[in-house]
Amino acid sequence: GAAGAIGLAQFVNSSKGDPNALMVMGAVMLGGI
């Protein structure tokens, strides 16, 4: 949803300081932002 912004929000808010967390992103996310 929302060009990845929903996943980004969850990632930013729930993964703080987690050294094993990764998120896929790309040009589409920039456009959505």
PDB file of all heavy atoms in Angstrom:
ATOM      1  N   GLY A   1       0.792  -1.219   0.000  1.00  0.00           N
ATOM      2  CA  GLY A   1       0.000   0.000   0.000  1.00  0.00           C
ATOM      3  C   GLY A   1       0.821   1.264   0.000  1.00  0.00           C
ATOM      4  O   GLY A   1       1.937   1.309   0.531  1.00  0.00           O
ATOM      5  N   ALA A   2       0.266   2.305  -0.663  1.00  0.00           N
ATOM      6  CA  ALA A   2       0.853   3.656  -0.670  1.00  0.00           C
ATOM      7  C   ALA A   2       2.291   3.668  -1.159  1.00  0.00           C
ATOM      8  O   ALA A   2       3.149   4.352  -0.600  1.00  0.00           O
ATOM      9  CB  ALA A   2       0.748   4.277   0.719  1.00  0.00           C
ATOM     10  N   ALA A   3       2.561   2.906  -2.234  1.00  0.00           N
ATOM     11  CA  ALA A   3       3.897   2.855  -2.848  1.00  0.00           C
ATOM     12  C   ALA A   3       4.979   2.476  -1.839  1.00  0.00           C
ATOM     13  O   ALA A   3       6.112   2.946  -1.904  1.00  0.00           O
ATOM     14  CB  ALA A   3       4.238   4.188  -3.512  1.00  0.00           C
ATOM     15  N   GLY A   4       4.612   1.619  -0.891  1.00  0.00           N
ATOM     16  CA  GLY A   4       5.586   1.139   0.089  1.00  0.00           C
ATOM     17  C   GLY A   4       5.603   1.923   1.384  1.00  0.00           C
ATOM     18  O   GLY A   4       6.272   1.533   2.338  1.00  0.00           O
ATOM     19  N   ALA A   5       4.850   3.040   1.455  1.00  0.00           N
ATOM     20  CA  ALA A   5       4.897   3.898   2.642  1.00  0.00           C
ATOM     21  C   ALA A   5       4.328   3.208   3.879  1.00  0.00           C
ATOM     22  O   ALA A   5       4.794   3.450   4.997  1.00  0.00           O
ATOM     23  CB  ALA A   5       4.151   5.201   2.380  1.00  0.00           C
ATOM     24  N   ILE A   6       3.347   2.329   3.700  1.00  0.00           N
ATOM     25  CA  ILE A   6       2.764   1.616   4.848  1.00  0.00           C
ATOM     26  C   ILE A   6       3.791   0.650   5.438  1.00  0.00           C
ATOM     27  O   ILE A   6       3.990   0.584   6.655  1.00  0.00           O
ATOM     28  CB  ILE A   6       1.475   0.876   4.434  1.00  0.00           C
ATOM     29  CG1 ILE A   6       0.385   1.899   4.070  1.00  0.00           C
ATOM     30  CG2 ILE A   6       0.985  -0.048   5.549  1.00  0.00           C
ATOM     31  CD1 ILE A   6      -0.880   1.296   3.496  1.00  0.00           C
ATOM     32  N   GLY A   7       4.470  -0.095   4.554  1.00  0.00           N
ATOM     33  CA  GLY A   7       5.527  -0.993   5.016  1.00  0.00           C
ATOM     34  C   GLY A   7       6.691  -0.236   5.623  1.00  0.00           C
ATOM     35  O   GLY A   7       7.258  -0.652   6.635  1.00  0.00           O
ATOM     36  N   LEU A   8       7.048   0.902   5.008  1.00  0.00           N
ATOM     37  CA  LEU A   8       8.138   1.732   5.525  1.00  0.00           C
ATOM     38  C   LEU A   8       7.813   2.220   6.932  1.00  0.00           C
ATOM     39  O   LEU A   8       8.673   2.176   7.822  1.00  0.00           O
ATOM     40  CB  LEU A   8       8.377   2.928   4.591  1.00  0.00           C
ATOM     41  CG  LEU A   8       9.354   4.004   5.087  1.00  0.00           C
ATOM     42  CD1 LEU A   8      10.755   3.433   5.264  1.00  0.00           C
ATOM     43  CD2 LEU A   8       9.386   5.189   4.114  1.00  0.00           C
ATOM     44  N   ALA A   9       6.567   2.666   7.147  1.00  0.00           N
ATOM     45  CA  ALA A   9       6.165   3.155   8.475  1.00  0.00           C
ATOM     46  C   ALA A   9       6.282   2.055   9.521  1.00  0.00           C
ATOM     47  O   ALA A   9       6.807   2.279  10.625  1.00  0.00           O
ATOM     48  CB  ALA A   9       4.733   3.682   8.426  1.00  0.00           C
ATOM     49  N   GLN A  10       5.825   0.860   9.176  1.00  0.00           N
ATOM     50  CA  GLN A  10       5.928  -0.259  10.125  1.00  0.00           C
ATOM     51  C   GLN A  10       7.388  -0.587  10.406  1.00  0.00           C
ATOM     52  O   GLN A  10       7.778  -0.835  11.550  1.00  0.00           O
ATOM     53  CB  GLN A  10       5.208  -1.490   9.584  1.00  0.00           C
ATOM     54  CG  GLN A  10       5.303  -2.697  10.529  1.00  0.00           C
ATOM     55  CD  GLN A  10       4.469  -3.871  10.065  1.00  0.00           C
ATOM     56  OE1 GLN A  10       3.287  -3.733   9.760  1.00  0.00           O
ATOM     57  NE2 GLN A  10       5.081  -5.050  10.005  1.00  0.00           N
ATOM     58  N   PHE A  11       8.199  -0.584   9.360  1.00  0.00           N
ATOM     59  CA  PHE A  11       9.619  -0.910   9.486  1.00  0.00           C
ATOM     60  C   PHE A  11      10.326   0.094  10.390  1.00  0.00           C
ATOM     61  O   PHE A  11      11.059  -0.277  11.320  1.00  0.00           O
ATOM     62  CB  PHE A  11      10.257  -0.928   8.101  1.00  0.00           C
ATOM     63  CG  PHE A  11      11.697  -1.359   8.070  1.00  0.00           C
ATOM     64  CD1 PHE A  11      12.038  -2.695   8.243  1.00  0.00           C
ATOM     65  CD2 PHE A  11      12.719  -0.438   7.861  1.00  0.00           C
ATOM     66  CE1 PHE A  11      13.367  -3.116   8.212  1.00  0.00           C
ATOM     67  CE2 PHE A  11      14.048  -0.843   7.824  1.00  0.00           C
ATOM     68  CZ  PHE A  11      14.374  -2.179   8.003  1.00  0.00           C
ATOM     69  N   VAL A  12      10.090   1.379  10.139  1.00  0.00           N
ATOM     70  CA  VAL A  12      10.736   2.434  10.919  1.00  0.00           C
ATOM     71  C   VAL A  12      10.307   2.390  12.382  1.00  0.00           C
ATOM     72  O   VAL A  12      11.131   2.540  13.296  1.00  0.00           O
ATOM     73  CB  VAL A  12      10.419   3.822  10.299  1.00  0.00           C
ATOM     74  CG1 VAL A  12      10.753   4.954  11.262  1.00  0.00           C
ATOM     75  CG2 VAL A  12      11.189   4.004   8.988  1.00  0.00           C
ATOM     76  N   ASN A  13       9.013   2.151  12.599  1.00  0.00           N
ATOM     77  CA  ASN A  13       8.484   2.205  13.967  1.00  0.00           C
ATOM     78  C   ASN A  13       8.726   0.944  14.797  1.00  0.00           C
ATOM     79  O   ASN A  13       8.795   1.018  16.028  1.00  0.00           O
ATOM     80  CB  ASN A  13       6.981   2.507  13.931  1.00  0.00           C
ATOM     81  CG  ASN A  13       6.701   3.905  13.403  1.00  0.00           C
ATOM     82  OD1 ASN A  13       7.456   4.830  13.647  1.00  0.00           O
ATOM     83  ND2 ASN A  13       5.614   4.056  12.656  1.00  0.00           N
ATOM     84  N   SER A  14       8.863  -0.212  14.133  1.00  0.00           N
ATOM     85  CA  SER A  14       8.967  -1.457  14.911  1.00  0.00           C
ATOM     86  C   SER A  14      10.347  -2.114  14.869  1.00  0.00           C
ATOM     87  O   SER A  14      10.573  -3.094  15.573  1.00  0.00           O
ATOM     88  CB  SER A  14       7.922  -2.468  14.419  1.00  0.00           C
ATOM     89  OG  SER A  14       8.212  -2.870  13.088  1.00  0.00           O
ATOM     90  N   SER A  15      11.253  -1.584  14.064  1.00  0.00           N
ATOM     91  CA  SER A  15      12.557  -2.259  13.909  1.00  0.00           C
ATOM     92  C   SER A  15      13.731  -1.464  14.455  1.00  0.00           C
ATOM     93  O   SER A  15      14.887  -1.805  14.190  1.00  0.00           O
ATOM     94  CB  SER A  15      12.812  -2.558  12.424  1.00  0.00           C
ATOM     95  OG  SER A  15      11.814  -3.396  11.905  1.00  0.00           O
ATOM     96  N   LYS A  16      13.471  -0.401  15.175  1.00  0.00           N
ATOM     97  CA  LYS A  16      14.554   0.455  15.666  1.00  0.00           C
ATOM     98  C   LYS A  16      15.652  -0.355  16.349  1.00  0.00           C
ATOM     99  O   LYS A  16      15.382  -1.130  17.263  1.00  0.00           O
ATOM    100  CB  LYS A  16      14.011   1.490  16.652  1.00  0.00           C
ATOM    101  CG  LYS A  16      13.215   2.613  16.014  1.00  0.00           C
ATOM    102  CD  LYS A  16      12.880   3.698  17.035  1.00  0.00           C
ATOM    103  CE  LYS A  16      12.117   4.837  16.395  1.00  0.00           C
ATOM    104  NZ  LYS A  16      10.704   4.547  16.166  1.00  0.00           N
ATOM    105  N   GLY A  17      16.876  -0.158  15.884  1.00  0.00           N
ATOM    106  CA  GLY A  17      18.025  -0.802  16.510  1.00  0.00           C
ATOM    107  C   GLY A  17      18.169  -2.288  16.235  1.00  0.00           C
ATOM    108  O   GLY A  17      19.080  -2.928  16.772  1.00  0.00           O
ATOM    109  N   ASP A  18      17.300  -2.857  15.378  1.00  0.00           N
ATOM    110  CA  ASP A  18      17.369  -4.295  15.088  1.00  0.00           C
ATOM    111  C   ASP A  18      18.420  -4.555  14.014  1.00  0.00           C
ATOM    112  O   ASP A  18      18.239  -4.177  12.857  1.00  0.00           O
ATOM    113  CB  ASP A  18      15.998  -4.785  14.608  1.00  0.00           C
ATOM    114  CG  ASP A  18      15.940  -6.305  14.455  1.00  0.00           C
ATOM    115  OD1 ASP A  18      17.011  -6.943  14.364  1.00  0.00           O
ATOM    116  OD2 ASP A  18      14.818  -6.849  14.407  1.00  0.00           O
ATOM    117  N   PRO A  19      19.543  -5.217  14.346  1.00  0.00           N
ATOM    118  CA  PRO A  19      20.626  -5.430  13.380  1.00  0.00           C
ATOM    119  C   PRO A  19      20.345  -6.531  12.358  1.00  0.00           C
ATOM    120  O   PRO A  19      21.163  -6.782  11.486  1.00  0.00           O
ATOM    121  CB  PRO A  19      21.809  -5.798  14.274  1.00  0.00           C
ATOM    122  CG  PRO A  19      21.180  -6.504  15.429  1.00  0.00           C
ATOM    123  CD  PRO A  19      19.870  -5.798  15.661  1.00  0.00           C
ATOM    124  N   ASN A  20      19.185  -7.197  12.483  1.00  0.00           N
ATOM    125  CA  ASN A  20      18.862  -8.288  11.562  1.00  0.00           C
ATOM    126  C   ASN A  20      17.677  -7.959  10.642  1.00  0.00           C
ATOM    127  O   ASN A  20      17.186  -8.831   9.934  1.00  0.00           O
ATOM    128  CB  ASN A  20      18.535  -9.562  12.344  1.00  0.00           C
ATOM    129  CG  ASN A  20      19.720 -10.028  13.172  1.00  0.00           C
ATOM    130  OD1 ASN A  20      20.848 -10.007  12.704  1.00  0.00           O
ATOM    131  ND2 ASN A  20      19.469 -10.419  14.408  1.00  0.00           N
ATOM    132  N   ALA A  21      17.225  -6.707  10.663  1.00  0.00           N
ATOM    133  CA  ALA A  21      16.062  -6.312   9.863  1.00  0.00           C
ATOM    134  C   ALA A  21      16.495  -5.661   8.552  1.00  0.00           C
ATOM    135  O   ALA A  21      17.391  -4.824   8.528  1.00  0.00           O
ATOM    136  CB  ALA A  21      15.191  -5.347  10.660  1.00  0.00           C
ATOM    137  N   LEU A  22      15.846  -6.072   7.467  1.00  0.00           N
ATOM    138  CA  LEU A  22      16.089  -5.479   6.151  1.00  0.00           C
ATOM    139  C   LEU A  22      14.748  -5.134   5.510  1.00  0.00           C
ATOM    140  O   LEU A  22      13.740  -5.791   5.787  1.00  0.00           O
ATOM    141  CB  LEU A  22      16.843  -6.450   5.238  1.00  0.00           C
ATOM    142  CG  LEU A  22      18.324  -6.696   5.507  1.00  0.00           C
ATOM    143  CD1 LEU A  22      18.843  -7.817   4.604  1.00  0.00           C
ATOM    144  CD2 LEU A  22      19.145  -5.428   5.294  1.00  0.00           C
ATOM    145  N   MET A  23      14.745  -4.132   4.650  1.00  0.00           N
ATOM    146  CA  MET A  23      13.540  -3.768   3.909  1.00  0.00           C
ATOM    147  C   MET A  23      13.897  -3.537   2.445  1.00  0.00           C
ATOM    148  O   MET A  23      14.845  -2.816   2.134  1.00  0.00           O
ATOM    149  CB  MET A  23      12.925  -2.481   4.474  1.00  0.00           C
ATOM    150  CG  MET A  23      11.697  -2.005   3.700  1.00  0.00           C
ATOM    151  SD  MET A  23      11.137  -0.351   4.203  1.00  0.00           S
ATOM    152  CE  MET A  23      12.460   0.682   3.529  1.00  0.00           C
ATOM    153  N   VAL A  24      13.124  -4.148   1.560  1.00  0.00           N
ATOM    154  CA  VAL A  24      13.303  -3.920   0.127  1.00  0.00           C
ATOM    155  C   VAL A  24      12.657  -2.578  -0.232  1.00  0.00           C
ATOM    156  O   VAL A  24      11.592  -2.233   0.297  1.00  0.00           O
ATOM    157  CB  VAL A  24      12.661  -5.061  -0.691  1.00  0.00           C
ATOM    158  CG1 VAL A  24      12.795  -4.804  -2.188  1.00  0.00           C
ATOM    159  CG2 VAL A  24      13.294  -6.392  -0.334  1.00  0.00           C
ATOM    160  N   MET A  25      13.293  -1.816  -1.107  1.00  0.00           N
ATOM    161  CA  MET A  25      12.753  -0.521  -1.522  1.00  0.00           C
ATOM    162  C   MET A  25      13.264  -0.230  -2.929  1.00  0.00           C
ATOM    163  O   MET A  25      13.905  -1.056  -3.553  1.00  0.00           O
ATOM    164  CB  MET A  25      13.149   0.577  -0.533  1.00  0.00           C
ATOM    165  CG  MET A  25      14.624   0.649  -0.170  1.00  0.00           C
ATOM    166  SD  MET A  25      15.752   1.217  -1.475  1.00  0.00           S
ATOM    167  CE  MET A  25      15.249   2.950  -1.578  1.00  0.00           C
ATOM    168  N   GLY A  26      12.941   0.951  -3.438  1.00  0.00           N
ATOM    169  CA  GLY A  26      13.437   1.305  -4.754  1.00  0.00           C
ATOM    170  C   GLY A  26      12.840   2.597  -5.271  1.00  0.00           C
ATOM    171  O   GLY A  26      12.243   3.375  -4.513  1.00  0.00           O
ATOM    172  N   ALA A  27      12.982   2.826  -6.570  1.00  0.00           N
ATOM    173  CA  ALA A  27      12.526   4.066  -7.195  1.00  0.00           C
ATOM    174  C   ALA A  27      11.050   4.329  -6.937  1.00  0.00           C
ATOM    175  O   ALA A  27      10.631   5.470  -6.752  1.00  0.00           O
ATOM    176  CB  ALA A  27      12.799   4.010  -8.703  1.00  0.00           C
ATOM    177  N   VAL A  28      10.248   3.270  -6.914  1.00  0.00           N
ATOM    178  CA  VAL A  28       8.800   3.416  -6.696  1.00  0.00           C
ATOM    179  C   VAL A  28       8.511   4.060  -5.349  1.00  0.00           C
ATOM    180  O   VAL A  28       7.604   4.896  -5.224  1.00  0.00           O
ATOM    181  CB  VAL A  28       8.100   2.045  -6.800  1.00  0.00           C
ATOM    182  CG1 VAL A  28       6.645   2.143  -6.382  1.00  0.00           C
ATOM    183  CG2 VAL A  28       8.194   1.507  -8.223  1.00  0.00           C
ATOM    184  N   MET A  29       9.280   3.688  -4.317  1.00  0.00           N
ATOM    185  CA  MET A  29       9.053   4.258  -2.989  1.00  0.00           C
ATOM    186  C   MET A  29       9.349   5.758  -2.990  1.00  0.00           C
ATOM    187  O   MET A  29       8.621   6.542  -2.357  1.00  0.00           O
ATOM    188  CB  MET A  29       9.915   3.535  -1.945  1.00  0.00           C
ATOM    189  CG  MET A  29       9.616   3.981  -0.519  1.00  0.00           C
ATOM    190  SD  MET A  29      10.504   2.991   0.717  1.00  0.00           S
ATOM    191  CE  MET A  29       9.488   1.506   0.767  1.00  0.00           C
ATOM    192  N   LEU A  30      10.373   6.175  -3.716  1.00  0.00           N
ATOM    193  CA  LEU A  30      10.684   7.603  -3.799  1.00  0.00           C
ATOM    194  C   LEU A  30       9.520   8.351  -4.435  1.00  0.00           C
ATOM    195  O   LEU A  30       9.105   9.405  -3.958  1.00  0.00           O
ATOM    196  CB  LEU A  30      11.964   7.840  -4.617  1.00  0.00           C
ATOM    197  CG  LEU A  30      13.251   7.121  -4.195  1.00  0.00           C
ATOM    198  CD1 LEU A  30      14.441   7.711  -4.935  1.00  0.00           C
ATOM    199  CD2 LEU A  30      13.475   7.194  -2.704  1.00  0.00           C
ATOM    200  N   GLY A  31       8.991   7.790  -5.529  1.00  0.00           N
ATOM    201  CA  GLY A  31       7.857   8.408  -6.206  1.00  0.00           C
ATOM    202  C   GLY A  31       6.644   8.506  -5.308  1.00  0.00           C
ATOM    203  O   GLY A  31       5.932   9.516  -5.303  1.00  0.00           O
ATOM    204  N   GLY A  32       6.405   7.458  -4.516  1.00  0.00           N
ATOM    205  CA  GLY A  32       5.267   7.442  -3.604  1.00  0.00           C
ATOM    206  C   GLY A  32       5.404   8.474  -2.497  1.00  0.00           C
ATOM    207  O   GLY A  32       4.424   9.102  -2.086  1.00  0.00           O
ATOM    208  N   ILE A  33       6.633   8.655  -2.018  1.00  0.00           N
ATOM    209  CA  ILE A  33       6.874   9.653  -0.971  1.00  0.00           C
ATOM    210  C   ILE A  33       6.643  11.062  -1.527  1.00  0.00           C
ATOM    211  O   ILE A  33       6.064  11.925  -0.863  1.00  0.00           O
ATOM    212  CB  ILE A  33       8.312   9.510  -0.404  1.00  0.00           C
ATOM    213  CG1 ILE A  33       8.411   8.225   0.431  1.00  0.00           C
ATOM    214  CG2 ILE A  33       8.706  10.719   0.432  1.00  0.00           C
ATOM    215  CD1 ILE A  33       9.822   7.841   0.834  1.00  0.00           C
TER     216      ILE A  33
END
